[in-house]
Amino acid sequence: MHASEEVLAVRDRLKAQGVKYCIGAYVDIHGIPNAKVVPIDHLPQMAAGSERYTGYALDGLGQAPSDDELASVPDLGHIIQLPWEPKIAWMPADNTFQGKPYALNTRVALKNVLAQAAEMGLGMNLGIECEIYLLKQAADGTLQVPNPDDKLVKPCYDVRGFVDQFSWLDKMATAIDGLGWDLYSFDHEDGNGQFEFDFAYSDALRMCDRLTFFRFMAKHYAKEEGLLATMMPKPFGNRTGTGAHFNMSLYDLKTGANRFACAPKDDPRGLGLTTMGYQFIAGILKHGPALCAAFAPTVNSYKRLVRQGAMSYFTWAPVFNSFGSNNRTNSVRVPAGGGRCESRNADGAVNPYLAATLALAAGLEGIRENLDPGTPNEDNLYAMSEAERRERGIAFLPQTLHEAIDAFAADPLVEKTLGTELRNEFIKYKTDEWNAYHLTVSQWEVDRYSYMF
C-alpha cells in the first residue's frame, strides 16, 4: 500500500467513526500546542504538508517576518478522537521547512536523539506522573481551592476531598481509560485542590504526546465544571508544588527487554539496576544543572524547588543533584524494585519533548563514556548540614531560572544535542522571561517596603 493509500485509509476510517475535522498540533518552545483545523476530506493534503504557518507569530520557532513559512505534518500513528467532541481528531505534528524536518521543533529534536539511541539498539520508555490542581479563579484573578472542606494541613490521599471533586475526576479517568492509556491509579495529592493521575508508561515520543494532550483535556473538563485546571509548578506559596516526574528506562529494540532491569540481589548496590542504568543516571547527574532549565522551565518553577519555603513541613522537591533509592530528597530516585530511574526535577510547566530530548542525550553520553554516579545517597538531604553535603560532593541544583539558564548555556551537550539555533532560542526566551519577572514590582514589595523607607 502506497503512502497516499495509507492516508486515504486513515481518512476513511476516521470518517466512519464520525470525525469531521482534524487538528495537527505542533508545540512551540514552551510545549503549548498550535494548529490549524481542516475538514476530514482535506486530511491527505494536511498529511502532505499543505498547512503553512508564519513561524514569527509563535515563540521559539526562530523565524523573522521575512522568512518562508513553516508547515506541519501530522503523525497519523497517534490519533486521538476528542472524548468530549468525537467530530474532531487530534494528531501530534512535526514542523517542516521547505520539505525537511525543522530543527527548531522540539518534537523533531526528540526524534533525532531517539534515532541516536536506535543506532545503539536502544529505545526509551517514559512514564510521566501527572499532578494537577483543580481550582477556581476569583473576580480579582486570584486562585482559590473550590472545595471549602479541602483544608487539611496534610491532605495527601484524602478520600473526602477526592470524592467531593468526583465529577471532574470521573470525566478525566473515563477519558484516559477510553484512550487506552491504562490509568492504574489516581488520588488526592499533597496540596489542597491537587490531584494526581498515573497511567502506564510508553515509548518516549508517545508519552510526550500524551502529556501535551492531558493538559489540554484537563483544562477542557475543568471548564465544564466552571473551574480551572492548572499544572503551574507553584500556584500557592504555602502548598505543595506540581511535579511531572519523568520515569525513564531503555529497552532493547530487538527483544523489548528492559536494559535497566535486574534483580536487586544481582546488583552490588542493591537498587535493582544494571550497569547501563547506573551509567544513564551518571549522565543525568553530570548534566543536572543544565537539564534543570528544561525540566523546570519557568520563573515559578523555582518557587517549587525549595526545601521548605512558606510551608510548615518539607516540600518533597528535589533541590540537590544526587541519586539514591526510594528517597525523595534526591533529584534522581530509583523506585523500589529497580528497573528505572525517576527524575524528580520535572514540573508541570515542562515541554516534555525538550526535556526528554536532553535527558536521553545525557543518559546516552553516560553509557558511551562509561560514567559512574557514585554511591547512592540514602540520607535526608534536607536535614544534612551544608558542610557534610559539601564533603560528600552533593551540590545544589539551580535555585532560580537565571541560574538554570546560565547552566544550560554553559553545557556543551545542549548545543550538540539541540543545535545552535534551538539552544539560542530557548536561552533568548527564558532570559526575556527572567528579565520581565525581575523588573516587575510585586504587591509583596509594595506592602513590605513602601512604609519602611
Protein backbone atom coordinates (compact mmCIF):
# COMPACT_ATOMS: atom_id res chain seq x y z
CA MET A 1 0.00 0.00 0.00
CA HIS A 2 1.50 3.35 -1.03
CA ALA A 3 1.73 6.22 1.47
CA SER A 4 -1.13 8.08 -0.20
CA GLU A 5 -3.29 4.99 0.02
CA GLU A 6 -2.45 4.69 3.70
CA VAL A 7 -3.57 8.27 4.29
CA LEU A 8 -6.79 7.65 2.39
CA ALA A 9 -7.41 4.57 4.51
CA VAL A 10 -6.93 6.62 7.68
CA ARG A 11 -9.27 9.31 6.35
CA ASP A 12 -11.96 6.77 5.51
CA ARG A 13 -11.63 5.08 8.91
CA LEU A 14 -11.98 8.41 10.72
CA LYS A 15 -14.99 9.38 8.62
CA ALA A 16 -16.62 6.07 9.53
CA GLN A 17 -16.03 6.96 13.21
CA GLY A 18 -17.85 10.26 12.79
CA VAL A 19 -14.84 12.57 12.50
CA LYS A 20 -15.47 15.77 10.54
CA TYR A 21 -12.38 17.82 11.40
CA CYS A 22 -8.68 17.20 12.05
CA ILE A 23 -6.18 19.06 14.23
CA GLY A 24 -2.47 18.59 13.53
CA ALA A 25 -0.98 20.08 16.72
CA TYR A 26 2.69 21.01 16.97
CA VAL A 27 4.15 22.72 20.03
CA ASP A 28 6.10 25.94 20.49
CA ILE A 29 9.20 26.15 22.67
CA HIS A 30 7.03 26.20 25.81
CA GLY A 31 5.24 22.98 24.83
CA ILE A 32 1.98 24.82 24.02
CA PRO A 33 0.06 23.21 21.12
CA ASN A 34 -0.77 25.20 17.98
CA ALA A 35 -2.64 24.10 14.87
CA LYS A 36 -4.99 24.80 12.02
CA VAL A 37 -8.15 22.76 11.74
CA VAL A 38 -9.01 21.08 8.45
CA PRO A 39 -12.11 19.20 7.25
CA ILE A 40 -11.63 15.46 7.18
CA ASP A 41 -11.59 15.35 3.38
CA HIS A 42 -8.51 17.60 3.46
CA LEU A 43 -6.52 15.18 5.67
CA PRO A 44 -4.44 13.82 2.71
CA GLN A 45 -3.33 17.35 1.86
CA MET A 46 -2.51 18.16 5.51
CA ALA A 47 -0.50 14.95 5.73
CA ALA A 48 1.49 16.18 2.73
CA GLY A 49 2.27 19.49 4.45
CA SER A 50 -0.42 21.73 2.99
CA GLU A 51 -0.97 23.70 6.23
CA ARG A 52 1.54 26.53 6.46
CA TYR A 53 2.34 28.80 9.39
CA THR A 54 4.11 32.09 9.97
CA GLY A 55 6.73 31.00 12.50
CA TYR A 56 7.40 34.58 13.60
CA ALA A 57 3.92 34.62 15.17
CA LEU A 58 4.97 31.98 17.73
CA ASP A 59 7.59 31.69 20.48
CA GLY A 60 10.81 29.86 19.88
CA LEU A 61 10.50 28.86 16.23
CA GLY A 62 13.39 31.07 15.18
CA GLN A 63 11.78 32.96 12.34
CA ALA A 64 11.78 36.58 11.19
CA PRO A 65 8.89 38.27 9.33
CA SER A 66 10.82 37.82 6.07
CA ASP A 67 11.21 34.03 6.35
CA ASP A 68 9.37 31.42 4.34
CA GLU A 69 6.52 29.70 6.14
CA LEU A 70 6.67 26.51 8.15
CA ALA A 71 4.39 23.56 7.52
CA SER A 72 3.10 20.94 9.95
CA VAL A 73 2.84 17.23 9.19
CA PRO A 74 0.56 15.17 11.47
CA ASP A 75 1.59 11.86 12.98
CA LEU A 76 -1.07 9.50 11.65
CA GLY A 77 0.15 6.80 14.02
CA HIS A 78 -1.16 8.66 17.05
CA ILE A 79 -4.68 9.92 16.51
CA ILE A 80 -6.93 10.91 19.40
CA GLN A 81 -10.63 11.36 18.78
CA LEU A 82 -11.66 14.01 21.31
CA PRO A 83 -13.60 12.20 24.05
CA TRP A 84 -15.93 15.18 24.54
CA GLU A 85 -16.29 16.02 20.83
CA PRO A 86 -15.86 12.95 18.60
CA LYS A 87 -16.26 15.06 15.46
CA ILE A 88 -12.66 16.25 16.00
CA ALA A 89 -9.50 14.15 15.67
CA TRP A 90 -6.30 15.40 17.32
CA MET A 91 -2.89 14.38 15.96
CA PRO A 92 0.54 15.48 17.19
CA ALA A 93 2.52 17.08 14.39
CA ASP A 94 6.06 18.00 13.40
CA ASN A 95 7.09 21.21 11.74
CA THR A 96 8.83 21.08 8.38
CA PHE A 97 10.62 23.82 6.48
CA GLN A 98 10.87 23.64 2.71
CA GLY A 99 10.04 19.95 2.84
CA LYS A 100 12.53 18.94 5.56
CA PRO A 101 12.10 18.35 9.33
CA TYR A 102 12.50 21.68 11.11
CA ALA A 103 15.38 21.66 13.58
CA LEU A 104 13.75 24.17 15.96
CA ASN A 105 10.75 21.93 16.60
CA THR A 106 11.27 20.13 19.92
CA ARG A 107 9.36 17.02 18.81
CA VAL A 108 11.74 16.77 15.85
CA ALA A 109 14.67 17.18 18.28
CA LEU A 110 13.41 14.26 20.36
CA LYS A 111 13.06 12.07 17.28
CA ASN A 112 16.65 12.91 16.34
CA VAL A 113 18.02 11.72 19.69
CA LEU A 114 15.78 8.64 19.62
CA ALA A 115 17.44 7.84 16.29
CA GLN A 116 20.84 8.06 18.01
CA ALA A 117 19.63 5.63 20.65
CA ALA A 118 18.34 3.33 17.91
CA GLU A 119 21.84 3.20 16.42
CA MET A 120 22.88 1.70 19.77
CA GLY A 121 19.99 -0.77 19.56
CA LEU A 122 18.03 1.08 22.24
CA GLY A 123 14.63 2.67 22.65
CA MET A 124 13.40 4.84 25.51
CA ASN A 125 10.40 4.18 27.70
CA LEU A 126 8.95 7.08 29.65
CA GLY A 127 6.26 7.45 32.25
CA ILE A 128 5.18 10.89 33.47
CA GLU A 129 3.28 11.35 36.74
CA CYS A 130 0.61 13.99 36.12
CA GLU A 131 0.00 16.19 39.16
CA ILE A 132 -2.57 18.94 38.66
CA TYR A 133 -4.55 21.49 40.66
CA LEU A 134 -8.31 21.91 40.22
CA LEU A 135 -9.10 25.48 41.27
CA LYS A 136 -11.47 28.38 40.82
CA GLN A 137 -10.47 31.86 39.75
CA ALA A 138 -11.94 34.76 41.69
CA ALA A 139 -13.07 38.00 40.09
CA ASP A 140 -9.77 39.63 41.09
CA GLY A 141 -7.82 36.89 39.29
CA THR A 142 -6.59 35.09 42.39
CA LEU A 143 -6.67 31.30 42.52
CA GLN A 144 -8.68 29.57 45.22
CA VAL A 145 -9.41 25.99 46.28
CA PRO A 146 -13.04 25.44 45.20
CA ASN A 147 -13.90 22.93 47.92
CA PRO A 148 -14.12 24.70 51.34
CA ASP A 149 -13.81 21.32 53.09
CA ASP A 150 -10.46 20.62 51.41
CA LYS A 151 -8.43 22.31 54.14
CA LEU A 152 -6.33 19.65 55.88
CA VAL A 153 -2.72 20.63 56.59
CA LYS A 154 -1.65 17.32 55.04
CA PRO A 155 -4.41 16.38 52.59
CA CYS A 156 -2.48 13.74 50.66
CA TYR A 157 -4.71 10.71 49.84
CA ASP A 158 -7.71 12.41 51.47
CA VAL A 159 -10.76 10.39 50.43
CA ARG A 160 -13.37 13.05 51.22
CA GLY A 161 -11.51 15.71 49.24
CA PHE A 162 -11.27 13.24 46.36
CA VAL A 163 -14.95 12.30 46.29
CA ASP A 164 -16.04 15.94 46.55
CA GLN A 165 -14.49 16.54 43.09
CA PHE A 166 -15.74 13.26 41.64
CA SER A 167 -17.46 14.80 38.60
CA TRP A 168 -14.21 16.18 37.11
CA LEU A 169 -12.16 13.22 38.24
CA ASP A 170 -14.59 10.76 36.69
CA LYS A 171 -14.55 12.61 33.37
CA MET A 172 -10.77 12.54 33.35
CA ALA A 173 -10.45 8.91 34.38
CA THR A 174 -13.09 7.74 31.90
CA ALA A 175 -11.38 9.61 29.08
CA ILE A 176 -7.89 8.37 29.96
CA ASP A 177 -9.04 4.76 30.01
CA GLY A 178 -11.08 5.25 26.84
CA LEU A 179 -7.93 6.47 25.09
CA GLY A 180 -6.16 3.25 26.03
CA TRP A 181 -3.59 4.85 28.31
CA ASP A 182 -4.23 2.32 31.11
CA LEU A 183 -4.96 4.52 34.12
CA TYR A 184 -3.88 2.46 37.13
CA SER A 185 -4.17 4.98 39.97
CA PHE A 186 -5.41 8.45 40.80
CA ASP A 187 -5.68 10.26 44.11
CA HIS A 188 -5.88 13.48 46.06
CA GLU A 189 -2.32 14.78 46.15
CA ASP A 190 -0.36 16.66 48.81
CA GLY A 191 -1.81 20.12 48.14
CA ASN A 192 -5.37 21.29 48.80
CA GLY A 193 -7.17 21.05 45.47
CA GLN A 194 -4.37 18.94 43.96
CA PHE A 195 -4.75 15.54 42.29
CA GLU A 196 -2.53 13.03 40.51
CA PHE A 197 -3.20 10.68 37.60
CA ASP A 198 -0.86 7.76 36.92
CA PHE A 199 -1.14 5.80 33.71
CA ALA A 200 1.09 3.27 32.01
CA TYR A 201 4.44 4.24 30.55
CA SER A 202 5.03 4.07 26.81
CA ASP A 203 7.73 4.91 24.33
CA ALA A 204 9.10 8.40 24.97
CA LEU A 205 7.59 10.11 21.93
CA ARG A 206 4.12 8.75 22.62
CA MET A 207 4.28 9.73 26.30
CA CYS A 208 5.24 13.30 25.43
CA ASP A 209 2.26 13.43 23.05
CA ARG A 210 0.04 12.17 25.86
CA LEU A 211 1.18 14.75 28.40
CA THR A 212 0.53 17.52 25.87
CA PHE A 213 -2.99 16.23 25.28
CA PHE A 214 -3.56 15.55 29.01
CA ARG A 215 -3.09 19.23 29.85
CA PHE A 216 -5.45 20.25 27.05
CA MET A 217 -8.08 17.73 28.13
CA ALA A 218 -7.84 18.56 31.85
CA LYS A 219 -8.45 22.23 31.16
CA HIS A 220 -11.47 21.44 28.99
CA TYR A 221 -13.15 19.22 31.58
CA ALA A 222 -12.41 21.75 34.33
CA LYS A 223 -14.06 24.48 32.28
CA GLU A 224 -17.16 22.28 32.00
CA GLU A 225 -17.25 22.36 35.81
CA GLY A 226 -16.77 26.13 35.94
CA LEU A 227 -13.24 25.60 37.29
CA LEU A 228 -9.62 25.90 36.20
CA ALA A 229 -7.17 23.02 35.93
CA THR A 230 -3.52 24.02 36.05
CA MET A 231 -0.16 22.29 36.10
CA MET A 232 1.52 25.56 37.12
CA PRO A 233 4.52 24.47 39.20
CA LYS A 234 3.68 26.50 42.33
CA PRO A 235 0.23 28.14 42.38
CA PHE A 236 0.38 28.62 46.18
CA GLY A 237 3.45 29.52 48.20
CA ASN A 238 2.30 27.52 51.23
CA ARG A 239 1.23 24.34 49.44
CA THR A 240 2.99 21.56 47.56
CA GLY A 241 4.13 22.26 44.02
CA THR A 242 3.18 20.42 40.86
CA GLY A 243 5.63 17.81 39.66
CA ALA A 244 5.68 15.84 36.42
CA HIS A 245 8.27 13.25 37.41
CA PHE A 246 10.00 11.51 34.49
CA ASN A 247 10.30 7.73 34.97
CA MET A 248 12.86 6.52 32.44
CA SER A 249 14.33 3.27 31.17
CA LEU A 250 15.91 1.99 27.98
CA TYR A 251 14.82 -1.13 26.18
CA ASP A 252 16.32 -3.43 23.56
CA LEU A 253 14.80 -2.61 20.18
CA LYS A 254 15.01 -6.23 19.04
CA THR A 255 13.66 -8.03 22.08
CA GLY A 256 11.85 -5.28 24.00
CA ALA A 257 13.76 -6.27 27.15
CA ASN A 258 14.34 -3.59 29.78
CA ARG A 259 18.08 -2.89 29.73
CA PHE A 260 17.98 -1.28 33.18
CA ALA A 261 16.30 -4.17 34.98
CA CYS A 262 17.92 -6.80 37.14
CA ALA A 263 17.10 -8.41 40.46
CA PRO A 264 18.28 -6.35 43.45
CA LYS A 265 20.32 -9.37 44.60
CA ASP A 266 22.28 -9.22 41.33
CA ASP A 267 23.13 -5.54 41.79
CA PRO A 268 26.03 -4.85 44.21
CA ARG A 269 24.37 -1.56 45.19
CA GLY A 270 21.06 -3.35 45.79
CA LEU A 271 18.83 -0.97 43.83
CA GLY A 272 17.94 -3.37 41.02
CA LEU A 273 19.74 -1.59 38.19
CA THR A 274 22.15 -2.86 35.58
CA THR A 275 25.44 -1.16 34.84
CA MET A 276 23.73 0.60 31.93
CA GLY A 277 21.11 2.00 34.29
CA TYR A 278 23.77 3.50 36.54
CA GLN A 279 25.65 4.89 33.56
CA PHE A 280 22.45 6.57 32.39
CA ILE A 281 21.94 8.14 35.83
CA ALA A 282 25.55 9.32 35.85
CA GLY A 283 24.92 11.15 32.59
CA ILE A 284 21.82 12.78 34.06
CA LEU A 285 23.78 13.94 37.11
CA LYS A 286 26.73 15.17 35.03
CA HIS A 287 24.38 17.49 33.16
CA GLY A 288 21.92 18.02 36.04
CA PRO A 289 22.17 21.82 36.27
CA ALA A 290 21.63 22.29 32.53
CA LEU A 291 18.79 19.76 32.44
CA CYS A 292 17.09 21.68 35.24
CA ALA A 293 16.34 24.53 32.80
CA ALA A 294 14.35 22.12 30.61
CA PHE A 295 12.72 20.17 33.44
CA ALA A 296 11.80 23.32 35.40
CA PRO A 297 11.49 25.99 32.70
CA THR A 298 9.70 28.93 34.34
CA VAL A 299 10.30 31.60 36.98
CA ASN A 300 7.57 29.92 39.02
CA SER A 301 9.34 26.54 38.83
CA TYR A 302 11.97 27.63 41.32
CA LYS A 303 9.37 28.51 43.92
CA ARG A 304 8.64 24.78 43.88
CA LEU A 305 12.30 23.75 44.07
CA VAL A 306 12.81 24.68 47.73
CA ARG A 307 13.27 22.53 50.81
CA GLN A 308 10.52 24.13 52.85
CA GLY A 309 9.80 27.75 51.98
CA ALA A 310 6.45 29.00 53.29
CA MET A 311 5.23 25.50 54.17
CA SER A 312 5.10 24.05 57.67
CA TYR A 313 6.86 20.87 56.52
CA PHE A 314 9.33 19.78 53.85
CA THR A 315 8.20 20.21 50.23
CA TRP A 316 9.42 16.88 48.73
CA ALA A 317 11.00 18.98 45.98
CA PRO A 318 14.43 17.91 44.61
CA VAL A 319 16.96 20.66 45.21
CA PHE A 320 20.15 18.58 45.14
CA ASN A 321 21.98 16.96 42.23
CA SER A 322 22.06 13.48 43.71
CA PHE A 323 20.62 9.98 43.39
CA GLY A 324 19.53 7.17 45.65
CA SER A 325 16.86 4.56 46.21
CA ASN A 326 13.35 5.27 47.46
CA ASN A 327 14.49 8.60 48.92
CA ARG A 328 12.60 11.65 47.71
CA THR A 329 15.23 14.14 48.80
CA ASN A 330 17.32 13.12 45.78
CA SER A 331 16.68 14.61 42.36
CA VAL A 332 17.10 11.15 40.78
CA ARG A 333 15.39 8.27 42.53
CA VAL A 334 15.43 4.54 41.83
CA PRO A 335 11.97 3.33 42.94
CA ALA A 336 11.59 0.08 44.84
CA GLY A 337 12.27 -2.90 42.61
CA GLY A 338 14.60 -1.01 40.30
CA GLY A 339 14.47 -1.25 36.52
CA ARG A 340 14.02 2.50 36.02
CA CYS A 341 15.10 5.86 37.33
CA GLU A 342 12.91 8.81 38.20
CA SER A 343 13.97 12.40 37.62
CA ARG A 344 12.02 14.46 40.14
CA ASN A 345 13.08 17.85 38.74
CA ALA A 346 10.42 17.93 36.05
CA ASP A 347 7.38 20.06 36.86
CA GLY A 348 4.01 20.71 35.30
CA ALA A 349 5.29 23.50 33.04
CA VAL A 350 7.74 21.18 31.28
CA ASN A 351 7.91 20.98 27.50
CA PRO A 352 8.13 17.17 27.59
CA TYR A 353 9.75 16.86 24.17
CA LEU A 354 12.59 19.22 25.06
CA ALA A 355 13.19 17.68 28.49
CA ALA A 356 13.10 14.11 27.16
CA THR A 357 15.50 15.08 24.36
CA LEU A 358 18.13 16.39 26.75
CA ALA A 359 17.62 13.69 29.38
CA LEU A 360 18.07 10.94 26.79
CA ALA A 361 21.13 12.66 25.30
CA ALA A 362 22.69 12.98 28.76
CA GLY A 363 21.92 9.35 29.61
CA LEU A 364 23.35 8.08 26.32
CA GLU A 365 26.53 10.04 26.96
CA GLY A 366 26.78 8.37 30.35
CA ILE A 367 26.54 4.98 28.65
CA ARG A 368 29.03 5.80 25.89
CA GLU A 369 31.56 7.21 28.37
CA ASN A 370 31.01 4.51 31.00
CA LEU A 371 30.27 7.07 33.70
CA ASP A 372 29.64 6.08 37.32
CA PRO A 373 27.19 8.03 39.52
CA GLY A 374 29.00 7.09 42.74
CA THR A 375 27.46 5.88 45.98
CA PRO A 376 23.67 6.22 46.32
CA ASN A 377 22.56 8.74 48.92
CA GLU A 378 20.16 7.27 51.45
CA ASP A 379 20.11 10.18 53.93
CA ASN A 380 17.61 13.01 54.37
CA LEU A 381 19.42 15.73 52.47
CA TYR A 382 17.04 18.38 53.78
CA ALA A 383 18.35 17.78 57.29
CA MET A 384 22.04 17.33 56.42
CA SER A 385 24.46 20.15 57.23
CA GLU A 386 25.97 22.22 54.44
CA ALA A 387 29.46 21.08 55.44
CA GLU A 388 28.54 17.40 55.23
CA ARG A 389 26.90 17.85 51.84
CA ARG A 390 29.98 19.62 50.51
CA GLU A 391 32.21 16.87 51.90
CA ARG A 392 30.13 14.26 50.06
CA GLY A 393 30.17 16.28 46.84
CA ILE A 394 26.38 16.79 46.75
CA ALA A 395 25.71 20.12 45.07
CA PHE A 396 22.60 22.26 44.84
CA LEU A 397 20.74 22.39 41.57
CA PRO A 398 19.99 25.89 40.20
CA GLN A 399 17.81 27.87 42.59
CA THR A 400 16.44 30.39 40.09
CA LEU A 401 15.57 30.35 36.41
CA HIS A 402 18.50 32.72 35.86
CA GLU A 403 20.96 30.19 37.34
CA ALA A 404 19.41 27.40 35.28
CA ILE A 405 19.71 29.40 32.05
CA ASP A 406 23.38 30.05 32.78
CA ALA A 407 23.98 26.31 33.32
CA PHE A 408 22.03 25.49 30.15
CA ALA A 409 24.09 27.98 28.13
CA ALA A 410 27.41 26.71 29.51
CA ASP A 411 26.85 22.98 28.88
CA PRO A 412 28.30 21.78 25.53
CA LEU A 413 25.89 18.83 25.40
CA VAL A 414 22.96 21.22 24.97
CA GLU A 415 24.25 22.75 21.75
CA LYS A 416 25.49 19.38 20.49
CA THR A 417 22.03 17.90 21.02
CA LEU A 418 19.70 20.75 20.07
CA GLY A 419 21.82 22.63 17.56
CA THR A 420 22.84 26.25 17.90
CA GLU A 421 19.55 27.78 16.78
CA LEU A 422 17.21 25.89 19.11
CA ARG A 423 19.64 26.31 22.00
CA ASN A 424 19.81 30.05 21.42
CA GLU A 425 16.03 30.38 21.05
CA PHE A 426 15.48 28.75 24.44
CA ILE A 427 18.09 30.96 26.08
CA LYS A 428 16.57 34.07 24.48
CA TYR A 429 13.00 33.40 25.54
CA LYS A 430 13.90 32.25 29.03
CA THR A 431 16.23 35.21 29.58
CA ASP A 432 13.42 37.52 28.49
CA GLU A 433 11.08 35.75 30.91
CA TRP A 434 13.53 36.18 33.78
CA ASN A 435 14.12 39.85 32.99
CA ALA A 436 10.39 40.58 32.75
CA TYR A 437 9.84 38.92 36.12
CA HIS A 438 12.81 40.65 37.71
CA LEU A 439 11.63 44.08 36.53
CA THR A 440 8.08 43.58 37.82
CA VAL A 441 7.30 45.23 41.15
CA SER A 442 5.11 42.82 43.13
CA GLN A 443 2.47 43.60 45.71
CA TRP A 444 4.71 41.89 48.28
CA GLU A 445 7.39 44.52 47.65
CA VAL A 446 4.91 47.37 47.88
CA ASP A 447 3.47 46.01 51.14
CA ARG A 448 6.91 45.43 52.65
CA TYR A 449 8.88 48.47 51.57
CA SER A 450 6.57 51.41 50.86
CA TYR A 451 6.09 52.23 54.54
CA MET A 452 9.54 51.14 55.69
CA PHE A 453 11.59 53.63 53.70
